[in-house]
């Protein structure tokens, strides 16, 4: 029996450590490679974190010209790829304008199953022109896609309005993130924070994630707990601005910029409280990961309430005084932690269970 051919289309030039990439690779690892030929498509040349792993399972990685720089070349290259490979499923994980353009080409090339996958509740840009382009694309997606995925209720409603959509949870490998007291002690000792109160954050350093607010929270917290520090894990355009603000607030010695890391599960074990003050999110994968290791989380109330998987997740306003957040940190920071695998499975965030549903959808159009 021939394999079902799936092309997963991603933004950027390669697979990194962002939330969408984490979600996609989590599902990819569990899909039956004997039943599916799963390839990836990117825009621009880059070396991805998971390239070797993908190729070891028979997956192919295609790099097309960057759409923003070479729109016609990019369009022709995608058409050539789709007409040559004759994919059964086209799964687009891009911004709104990118999804619209991609599924339109896929429709022109005769791909029968064209999935638009919403990962956000905003366009992720402050540029007026880009906002207009993405908003136009968002409204046109239904003209070209056959199926509509979303990572949360809010993301689906924001992208598709009243049109029916399927929620595909940002599920995680619960075994990989299960709380381990020994790992926690090892990492904290290695990083010299045995007695510190560690606030943690994982995400691209940029406007949507609102890390500037975290610095205000830390400054407030240090007036109550002088041994508090903040770990920022990720890269991005706001790095220098955040460093400058930390200096201005007099807390630079208490902020650690880790950059891109491939040991996030171990770092989560070592944190005391996880903070996510985003302006908007679809469903943050990192919250599912944090909950899986029973790490208390304080998250902005702009994010879907679907994140409240456990009683250690609290949502607060990012328009509130940062002291409100620092008080919440003190409420959660000394709680004991335990194995949360059963909770994650019951809540629909276990990757082994959810990947089987995605396989069913690729086969017969039903996520069940």
Protein backbone atom coordinates (compact mmCIF):
# COMPACT_ATOMS: atom_id res chain seq x y z
CA UNK A 1 0.00 0.00 0.00
CA UNK A 2 1.35 3.42 -0.97
CA UNK A 3 2.21 5.87 1.78
CA UNK A 4 0.07 8.95 2.32
CA UNK A 5 2.21 11.91 1.31
CA UNK A 6 2.13 14.93 3.63
CA UNK A 7 3.91 18.26 3.18
CA UNK A 8 4.24 20.34 6.33
CA UNK A 9 4.88 23.98 5.43
CA UNK A 10 6.63 26.12 8.04
CA UNK A 11 7.55 29.77 8.39
CA UNK A 12 11.20 30.77 8.48
CA UNK A 13 14.21 29.12 6.90
CA UNK A 14 14.62 26.13 9.24
CA UNK A 15 13.21 24.36 12.28
CA UNK A 16 14.16 26.15 15.49
CA UNK A 17 13.06 25.97 19.12
CA UNK A 18 9.90 28.09 18.93
CA UNK A 19 6.48 27.00 20.08
CA UNK A 20 5.15 26.07 16.63
CA UNK A 21 8.30 24.10 15.84
CA UNK A 22 8.05 22.27 19.16
CA UNK A 23 4.43 21.35 18.50
CA UNK A 24 5.16 20.14 14.97
CA UNK A 25 8.18 18.03 15.91
CA UNK A 26 6.28 16.52 18.84
CA UNK A 27 3.60 15.23 16.46
CA UNK A 28 6.12 14.27 13.76
CA UNK A 29 7.99 11.97 16.14
CA UNK A 30 4.83 9.99 16.86
CA UNK A 31 3.42 9.67 13.34
CA UNK A 32 3.75 6.26 11.69
CA UNK A 33 6.56 6.67 9.14
CA UNK A 34 5.60 3.34 7.52
CA UNK A 35 2.18 4.75 6.65
CA UNK A 36 3.10 8.38 5.93
CA UNK A 37 5.77 10.10 3.85
CA UNK A 38 6.20 13.35 5.75
CA UNK A 39 8.25 16.15 4.20
CA UNK A 40 8.93 19.73 5.30
CA UNK A 41 9.03 22.99 3.39
CA UNK A 42 10.78 26.20 4.51
CA UNK A 43 11.49 29.60 2.95
CA UNK A 44 15.16 30.53 2.71
CA UNK A 45 18.29 28.53 3.42
CA UNK A 46 18.97 27.46 6.98
CA UNK A 47 20.13 24.57 9.12
CA UNK A 48 17.40 23.30 11.42
CA UNK A 49 17.71 21.85 14.87
CA UNK A 50 15.89 18.68 13.83
CA UNK A 51 17.13 18.24 10.24
CA UNK A 52 19.16 15.10 10.95
CA UNK A 53 16.31 13.54 12.88
CA UNK A 54 13.81 14.24 10.10
CA UNK A 55 16.07 12.81 7.42
CA UNK A 56 16.84 9.73 9.52
CA UNK A 57 13.13 8.88 9.37
CA UNK A 58 12.98 9.33 5.60
CA UNK A 59 11.62 12.86 5.66
CA UNK A 60 12.79 15.34 3.06
CA UNK A 61 13.41 19.04 3.65
CA UNK A 62 12.78 21.56 0.89
CA UNK A 63 13.98 25.17 0.99
CA UNK A 64 12.17 27.61 -1.29
CA UNK A 65 13.08 31.23 -2.04
CA UNK A 66 11.97 33.68 0.65
CA UNK A 67 8.51 34.96 -0.24
CA UNK A 68 9.12 38.51 0.93
CA UNK A 69 12.27 38.91 -1.17
CA UNK A 70 11.44 36.78 -4.21
CA UNK A 71 7.63 36.34 -4.36
CA UNK A 72 7.44 35.12 -7.94
CA UNK A 73 10.40 32.73 -7.60
CA UNK A 74 8.95 31.40 -4.38
CA UNK A 75 5.54 30.83 -5.93
CA UNK A 76 7.00 29.07 -8.96
CA UNK A 77 9.20 26.89 -6.77
CA UNK A 78 6.26 25.79 -4.65
CA UNK A 79 4.15 25.02 -7.71
CA UNK A 80 6.98 22.98 -9.18
CA UNK A 81 7.37 21.05 -5.91
CA UNK A 82 3.67 20.30 -5.56
CA UNK A 83 3.17 19.27 -9.17
CA UNK A 84 6.20 16.97 -9.01
CA UNK A 85 5.52 15.32 -5.65
CA UNK A 86 1.70 15.12 -5.81
CA UNK A 87 1.06 15.36 -2.10
CA UNK A 88 -2.15 14.05 -0.56
CA UNK A 89 -2.09 16.49 2.38
CA UNK A 90 -0.80 20.06 2.55
CA UNK A 91 -0.48 21.30 6.15
CA UNK A 92 0.32 25.01 6.46
CA UNK A 93 1.78 26.38 9.71
CA UNK A 94 2.44 30.02 8.79
CA UNK A 95 1.13 33.49 9.51
CA UNK A 96 -2.22 34.43 8.00
CA UNK A 97 -0.83 35.89 4.77
CA UNK A 98 1.51 32.93 4.38
CA UNK A 99 -1.26 30.39 4.88
CA UNK A 100 -3.50 32.15 2.37
CA UNK A 101 -0.79 32.25 -0.30
CA UNK A 102 0.33 28.67 0.32
CA UNK A 103 -3.07 26.97 0.34
CA UNK A 104 -4.05 28.95 -2.75
CA UNK A 105 -1.08 27.48 -4.62
CA UNK A 106 -1.88 24.03 -3.26
CA UNK A 107 -5.44 24.34 -4.55
CA UNK A 108 -4.18 25.39 -7.98
CA UNK A 109 -1.92 22.33 -8.00
CA UNK A 110 -4.72 19.93 -7.17
CA UNK A 111 -3.83 18.96 -3.60
CA UNK A 112 -7.05 17.56 -2.17
CA UNK A 113 -6.50 18.14 1.56
CA UNK A 114 -5.32 21.68 2.35
CA UNK A 115 -5.05 22.44 6.07
CA UNK A 116 -4.82 25.93 7.54
CA UNK A 117 -3.41 25.71 11.07
CA UNK A 118 -3.97 28.75 13.33
CA UNK A 119 -1.34 29.20 16.02
CA UNK A 120 -2.07 32.72 17.27
CA UNK A 121 -4.67 35.31 18.15
CA UNK A 122 -2.75 38.18 16.56
CA UNK A 123 -0.64 39.01 13.54
CA UNK A 124 2.60 39.39 15.50
CA UNK A 125 3.66 42.68 13.94
CA UNK A 126 3.33 46.37 14.67
CA UNK A 127 3.89 47.31 11.02
CA UNK A 128 0.73 48.82 9.57
CA UNK A 129 1.47 47.43 6.10
CA UNK A 130 2.12 43.91 7.38
CA UNK A 131 -1.01 44.06 9.49
CA UNK A 132 -3.07 44.94 6.41
CA UNK A 133 -1.50 42.15 4.35
CA UNK A 134 -2.04 39.55 7.05
CA UNK A 135 -5.59 40.67 7.75
CA UNK A 136 -6.42 40.39 4.05
CA UNK A 137 -4.89 36.92 4.02
CA UNK A 138 -6.80 35.83 7.11
CA UNK A 139 -10.12 36.72 5.51
CA UNK A 140 -9.23 34.89 2.28
CA UNK A 141 -8.04 31.60 3.82
CA UNK A 142 -11.51 29.94 3.60
CA UNK A 143 -11.48 30.44 -0.17
CA UNK A 144 -8.57 28.03 -0.56
CA UNK A 145 -8.26 25.74 2.49
CA UNK A 146 -10.37 22.61 2.86
CA UNK A 147 -9.81 22.09 6.59
CA UNK A 148 -9.26 24.41 9.51
CA UNK A 149 -7.08 23.61 12.53
CA UNK A 150 -6.40 25.74 15.59
CA UNK A 151 -4.31 25.28 18.71
CA UNK A 152 -7.05 26.75 20.93
CA UNK A 153 -10.59 28.04 20.98
CA UNK A 154 -9.46 31.68 20.85
CA UNK A 155 -7.04 31.08 17.97
CA UNK A 156 -9.73 29.31 15.96
CA UNK A 157 -12.36 32.00 16.55
CA UNK A 158 -9.89 34.76 15.77
CA UNK A 159 -8.73 33.16 12.52
CA UNK A 160 -11.98 31.65 11.25
CA UNK A 161 -14.84 33.50 12.93
CA UNK A 162 -18.01 31.38 12.94
CA UNK A 163 -16.59 28.76 10.56
CA UNK A 164 -16.22 25.31 12.21
CA UNK A 165 -12.67 24.31 13.08
CA UNK A 166 -10.81 21.47 14.75
CA UNK A 167 -8.74 22.07 17.87
CA UNK A 168 -5.45 20.19 17.60
CA UNK A 169 -3.89 20.47 21.08
CA UNK A 170 -0.29 21.54 21.49
CA UNK A 171 0.40 18.20 23.13
CA UNK A 172 3.75 17.29 24.65
CA UNK A 173 5.84 14.25 25.51
CA UNK A 174 4.66 13.88 29.10
CA UNK A 175 7.39 11.38 29.93
CA UNK A 176 10.09 13.82 28.82
CA UNK A 177 8.76 16.60 31.05
CA UNK A 178 7.70 14.63 34.14
CA UNK A 179 9.01 16.23 37.34
CA UNK A 180 12.32 14.82 38.54
CA UNK A 181 13.66 16.10 41.86
CA UNK A 182 17.15 14.78 41.13
CA UNK A 183 17.39 16.63 37.80
CA UNK A 184 16.15 19.79 39.51
CA UNK A 185 18.92 19.59 42.12
CA UNK A 186 21.58 18.82 39.50
CA UNK A 187 20.67 21.77 37.27
CA UNK A 188 20.33 24.23 40.12
CA UNK A 189 23.69 23.19 41.52
CA UNK A 190 25.33 23.41 38.11
CA UNK A 191 23.95 26.93 37.61
CA UNK A 192 24.68 28.03 41.16
CA UNK A 193 21.14 28.77 42.25
CA UNK A 194 20.62 26.34 45.11
CA UNK A 195 19.00 29.00 47.34
CA UNK A 196 17.67 31.47 44.77
CA UNK A 197 14.05 32.04 43.79
CA UNK A 198 14.08 31.40 40.05
CA UNK A 199 11.50 32.89 37.71
CA UNK A 200 11.55 31.37 34.26
CA UNK A 201 10.43 32.30 30.77
CA UNK A 202 10.90 30.60 27.39
CA UNK A 203 10.10 32.42 24.17
CA UNK A 204 11.27 34.58 21.31
CA UNK A 205 12.49 37.91 22.67
CA UNK A 206 10.07 40.24 20.94
CA UNK A 207 6.95 42.35 21.25
CA UNK A 208 4.26 39.59 21.40
CA UNK A 209 5.88 37.90 24.42
CA UNK A 210 6.14 41.18 26.41
CA UNK A 211 9.33 40.31 28.31
CA UNK A 212 9.74 43.96 29.29
CA UNK A 213 6.91 43.46 31.78
CA UNK A 214 8.83 40.55 33.33
CA UNK A 215 11.64 42.93 34.25
CA UNK A 216 9.15 45.12 36.08
CA UNK A 217 7.83 42.07 37.92
CA UNK A 218 11.34 41.05 38.93
CA UNK A 219 12.16 44.57 40.15
CA UNK A 220 9.02 44.46 42.30
CA UNK A 221 9.77 40.97 43.57
CA UNK A 222 13.34 41.80 44.59
CA UNK A 223 11.98 44.33 47.08
CA UNK A 224 10.36 41.37 48.82
CA UNK A 225 12.81 38.56 48.00
CA UNK A 226 16.31 39.87 47.32
CA UNK A 227 17.49 36.45 46.11
CA UNK A 228 15.06 36.37 43.17
CA UNK A 229 16.38 36.07 39.62
CA UNK A 230 14.89 35.76 36.14
CA UNK A 231 15.91 33.29 33.44
CA UNK A 232 15.08 34.35 29.88
CA UNK A 233 15.50 31.47 27.42
CA UNK A 234 15.33 32.40 23.76
CA UNK A 235 16.66 34.78 21.14
CA UNK A 236 15.13 37.75 19.38
CA UNK A 237 15.24 41.33 18.26
CA UNK A 238 14.49 42.77 21.72
CA UNK A 239 17.58 41.32 23.41
CA UNK A 240 19.55 44.58 23.63
CA UNK A 241 16.48 46.58 24.72
CA UNK A 242 15.84 44.13 27.53
CA UNK A 243 19.47 44.22 28.62
CA UNK A 244 19.36 48.02 28.70
CA UNK A 245 16.15 48.05 30.73
CA UNK A 246 17.57 45.54 33.24
CA UNK A 247 20.55 47.87 33.71
CA UNK A 248 18.29 50.89 34.14
CA UNK A 249 16.21 49.08 36.79
CA UNK A 250 19.34 47.99 38.63
CA UNK A 251 18.54 44.29 38.28
CA UNK A 252 20.99 43.30 35.52
CA UNK A 253 22.88 40.98 37.89
CA UNK A 254 19.65 39.08 38.53
CA UNK A 255 18.66 38.51 34.89
CA UNK A 256 20.23 35.64 32.97
CA UNK A 257 19.90 35.57 29.18
CA UNK A 258 20.35 31.95 28.07
CA UNK A 259 19.81 32.37 24.34
CA UNK A 260 18.70 29.36 22.31
CA UNK A 261 18.82 26.12 24.30
CA UNK A 262 18.15 22.47 23.54
CA UNK A 263 17.78 21.48 27.22
CA UNK A 264 14.54 23.31 28.03
CA UNK A 265 13.03 20.30 29.86
CA UNK A 266 15.94 20.31 32.33
CA UNK A 267 15.77 24.08 32.80
CA UNK A 268 12.03 23.90 33.53
CA UNK A 269 12.77 21.40 36.27
CA UNK A 270 15.08 23.93 37.94
CA UNK A 271 12.66 26.88 37.90
CA UNK A 272 10.33 27.81 40.76
CA UNK A 273 7.64 29.73 38.85
CA UNK A 274 7.09 30.20 35.11
CA UNK A 275 5.85 33.56 33.80
CA UNK A 276 4.26 34.35 30.43
CA UNK A 277 2.92 37.94 30.12
CA UNK A 278 2.17 37.73 26.38
CA UNK A 279 0.04 40.29 24.58
CA UNK A 280 -1.45 37.42 22.57
CA UNK A 281 -0.93 33.70 22.04
CA UNK A 282 -2.67 30.84 20.32
CA UNK A 283 -1.88 28.16 22.86
CA UNK A 284 1.66 28.39 24.25
CA UNK A 285 3.32 24.98 23.99
CA UNK A 286 5.70 25.93 26.77
CA UNK A 287 2.80 26.18 29.24
CA UNK A 288 1.82 22.59 28.49
CA UNK A 289 5.46 21.64 29.02
CA UNK A 290 5.64 23.56 32.29
CA UNK A 291 2.41 22.03 33.58
CA UNK A 292 3.68 18.57 32.62
CA UNK A 293 6.54 19.02 35.10
CA UNK A 294 4.15 20.56 37.67
CA UNK A 295 5.78 23.97 37.49
CA UNK A 296 3.49 26.79 38.73
CA UNK A 297 2.62 29.23 35.92
CA UNK A 298 1.41 32.82 35.92
CA UNK A 299 0.06 33.80 32.51
CA UNK A 300 -1.57 36.89 31.05
CA UNK A 301 -5.35 36.84 30.83
CA UNK A 302 -5.12 37.58 27.10
CA UNK A 303 -4.30 33.88 26.58
CA UNK A 304 -7.01 31.23 26.27
CA UNK A 305 -8.28 29.78 29.55
CA UNK A 306 -7.55 26.35 28.05
CA UNK A 307 -4.08 26.77 29.59
CA UNK A 308 -5.57 26.28 33.08
CA UNK A 309 -4.82 22.57 33.00
CA UNK A 310 -3.87 22.43 36.67
CA UNK A 311 -4.64 24.43 39.80
CA UNK A 312 -1.11 25.85 39.64
CA UNK A 313 -1.88 27.99 36.60
CA UNK A 314 -3.16 31.51 37.29
CA UNK A 315 -4.07 34.23 34.81
CA UNK A 316 -3.48 37.90 35.61
CA UNK A 317 -3.80 41.15 33.71
CA UNK A 318 -0.73 42.69 32.08
CA UNK A 319 -2.25 46.11 32.69
CA UNK A 320 -2.07 45.46 36.44
CA UNK A 321 0.68 46.72 38.72
CA UNK A 322 3.65 44.30 38.45
CA UNK A 323 3.40 43.96 42.24
CA UNK A 324 0.29 41.84 41.68
CA UNK A 325 2.37 39.38 39.69
CA UNK A 326 5.20 39.39 42.23
CA UNK A 327 2.69 38.65 45.01
CA UNK A 328 1.39 35.71 42.98
CA UNK A 329 4.95 34.41 42.58
CA UNK A 330 5.33 34.33 46.35
CA UNK A 331 2.05 32.39 46.63
CA UNK A 332 3.29 29.59 44.36
CA UNK A 333 7.08 29.51 44.66
CA UNK A 334 7.41 27.04 47.55
CA UNK A 335 4.80 24.45 46.53
CA UNK A 336 5.87 20.82 46.23
CA UNK A 337 5.81 19.17 42.78
CA UNK A 338 4.81 15.72 41.57
CA UNK A 339 4.27 13.45 38.56
CA UNK A 340 1.55 15.03 36.36
CA UNK A 341 1.31 12.49 33.53
CA UNK A 342 -2.22 11.29 34.35
CA UNK A 343 -3.52 14.87 34.41
CA UNK A 344 -1.97 15.64 31.03
CA UNK A 345 -3.50 12.53 29.45
CA UNK A 346 -6.97 13.27 30.89
CA UNK A 347 -6.73 16.88 29.70
CA UNK A 348 -5.86 15.92 26.12
CA UNK A 349 -2.25 17.07 26.12
CA UNK A 350 -0.44 13.75 25.86
CA UNK A 351 1.30 13.52 22.49
CA UNK A 352 0.99 9.75 22.08
CA UNK A 353 -2.80 9.98 22.29
CA UNK A 354 -3.20 13.11 20.17
CA UNK A 355 -0.80 11.98 17.40
CA UNK A 356 -3.04 8.99 16.70
CA UNK A 357 -5.91 11.43 16.14
CA UNK A 358 -3.82 13.42 13.66
CA UNK A 359 -2.99 10.21 11.79
CA UNK A 360 -6.71 9.50 11.55
CA UNK A 361 -7.32 12.96 10.14
CA UNK A 362 -4.63 12.57 7.50
CA UNK A 363 -6.25 9.26 6.55
CA UNK A 364 -9.97 9.98 6.71
CA UNK A 365 -10.55 13.60 7.72
CA UNK A 366 -11.64 12.90 11.32
CA UNK A 367 -9.59 14.03 14.33
CA UNK A 368 -10.61 11.26 16.72
